[in-house]
Amino acid sequence: MTASHDVLFHALADPTRRAIFERLCREGEQTVGGLTAEAGVSQPAVSKHLGVLKRAGLVRDRQAGRQTHYTAQIEALAPLIDWAKQLESYWQKRFDDLESLLGRMDQ
């Protein structure tokens, strides 16, 4: 794994950050105030979580007057998807080997 993977995993490890990211993915662009209303944490905490997500490349911000709007950058998950696909082939081979072994044991 690379450092970029670590940054992504760290950003998504926190359940509040994951919920914020998922909400942005589902509902589209949101302001900090809009995200705070349903986050269950304070506005400063939401802002800190958004900062972590932004440094990981998972969100992008846009200023509009005095408000900052955030948008999910779902394509930033591509390295994690690639990593999971690599593990999928590893585990699929292991499961195939186990299936073969169990088949031989049944004989």
Protein backbone atom coordinates (compact mmCIF):
# COMPACT_ATOMS: atom_id res chain seq x y z
CA MET A 1 0.00 0.00 0.00
CA THR A 2 1.12 3.54 -0.66
CA ALA A 3 0.92 6.65 1.49
CA SER A 4 -2.10 7.77 -0.55
CA HIS A 5 -3.91 4.61 0.52
CA ASP A 6 -3.07 5.38 4.14
CA VAL A 7 -4.46 8.91 3.81
CA LEU A 8 -7.70 7.60 2.29
CA PHE A 9 -8.10 4.88 4.91
CA HIS A 10 -7.41 7.35 7.70
CA ALA A 11 -9.95 9.82 6.32
CA LEU A 12 -12.64 7.16 6.03
CA ALA A 13 -11.81 5.37 9.31
CA ASP A 14 -13.83 7.81 11.40
CA PRO A 15 -17.59 7.07 11.35
CA THR A 16 -18.53 10.76 11.39
CA ARG A 17 -16.29 11.51 8.40
CA ARG A 18 -17.65 8.47 6.58
CA ALA A 19 -21.21 9.68 7.23
CA ILE A 20 -20.37 13.18 5.95
CA PHE A 21 -18.72 11.75 2.82
CA GLU A 22 -21.64 9.36 2.20
CA ARG A 23 -24.13 12.20 2.61
CA LEU A 24 -22.23 14.32 0.09
CA CYS A 25 -22.20 11.36 -2.31
CA ARG A 26 -25.95 10.79 -1.90
CA GLU A 27 -27.25 14.35 -1.71
CA GLY A 28 -24.68 16.34 -3.64
CA GLU A 29 -23.20 19.69 -2.72
CA GLN A 30 -23.76 20.87 0.85
CA THR A 31 -22.70 23.79 3.03
CA VAL A 32 -21.02 23.28 6.39
CA GLY A 33 -24.25 24.44 8.04
CA GLY A 34 -26.30 21.92 6.10
CA LEU A 35 -23.92 19.11 7.00
CA THR A 36 -23.84 20.16 10.67
CA ALA A 37 -27.62 19.95 10.95
CA GLU A 38 -27.55 16.16 10.59
CA ALA A 39 -24.00 15.30 11.67
CA GLY A 40 -24.66 15.09 15.39
CA VAL A 41 -21.51 17.09 16.15
CA SER A 42 -20.68 20.79 16.35
CA GLN A 43 -19.95 23.02 13.37
CA PRO A 44 -16.23 23.29 14.28
CA ALA A 45 -16.04 19.47 14.42
CA VAL A 46 -17.72 19.17 11.00
CA SER A 47 -15.25 21.73 9.62
CA LYS A 48 -12.32 19.72 10.96
CA HIS A 49 -13.71 16.51 9.47
CA LEU A 50 -14.17 18.27 6.12
CA GLY A 51 -10.54 19.42 6.31
CA VAL A 52 -9.37 15.82 6.69
CA LEU A 53 -11.61 14.72 3.80
CA LYS A 54 -10.32 17.60 1.66
CA ARG A 55 -6.64 16.77 2.36
CA ALA A 56 -7.39 13.18 1.30
CA GLY A 57 -8.91 14.48 -1.95
CA LEU A 58 -12.34 13.10 -1.07
CA VAL A 59 -14.11 16.47 -1.10
CA ARG A 60 -13.68 19.75 -2.92
CA ASP A 61 -14.80 23.11 -1.61
CA ARG A 62 -16.18 26.16 -3.37
CA GLN A 63 -16.68 29.60 -1.90
CA ALA A 64 -19.96 31.37 -2.60
CA GLY A 65 -20.07 34.62 -0.68
CA ARG A 66 -19.64 33.83 3.01
CA GLN A 67 -20.49 30.17 2.65
CA THR A 68 -18.32 27.24 1.69
CA HIS A 69 -19.96 24.48 -0.34
CA TYR A 70 -18.52 20.96 -0.34
CA THR A 71 -18.80 18.29 -3.04
CA ALA A 72 -17.75 14.65 -2.82
CA GLN A 73 -14.98 13.55 -5.18
CA ILE A 74 -15.94 9.91 -5.57
CA GLU A 75 -13.20 9.30 -8.15
CA ALA A 76 -10.70 9.77 -5.30
CA LEU A 77 -11.75 6.28 -4.13
CA ALA A 78 -10.19 4.70 -7.24
CA PRO A 79 -6.93 3.66 -5.49
CA LEU A 80 -8.92 1.86 -2.79
CA ILE A 81 -11.10 0.14 -5.37
CA ASP A 82 -7.99 -1.03 -7.24
CA TRP A 83 -6.44 -2.28 -3.99
CA ALA A 84 -9.62 -4.18 -3.08
CA LYS A 85 -9.70 -5.77 -6.54
CA GLN A 86 -6.15 -7.04 -6.03
CA LEU A 87 -7.21 -8.62 -2.75
CA GLU A 88 -10.30 -10.09 -4.39
CA SER A 89 -8.20 -12.22 -6.74
CA TYR A 90 -5.98 -13.32 -3.84
CA TRP A 91 -8.96 -14.41 -1.72
CA GLN A 92 -10.78 -15.99 -4.66
CA LYS A 93 -7.79 -18.28 -5.25
CA ARG A 94 -7.72 -19.17 -1.55
CA PHE A 95 -11.44 -20.01 -1.56
CA ASP A 96 -11.03 -22.09 -4.73
CA ASP A 97 -8.18 -24.00 -3.06
CA LEU A 98 -10.30 -24.55 0.05
CA GLU A 99 -13.23 -25.76 -2.04
CA SER A 100 -10.93 -28.22 -3.83
CA LEU A 101 -9.53 -29.48 -0.53
CA LEU A 102 -12.99 -29.94 0.96
CA GLY A 103 -14.07 -31.79 -2.18
CA ARG A 104 -11.13 -34.19 -1.85
CA MET A 105 -11.88 -34.73 1.84
CA ASP A 106 -15.49 -35.69 1.03
CA GLN A 107 -14.34 -38.44 -1.31
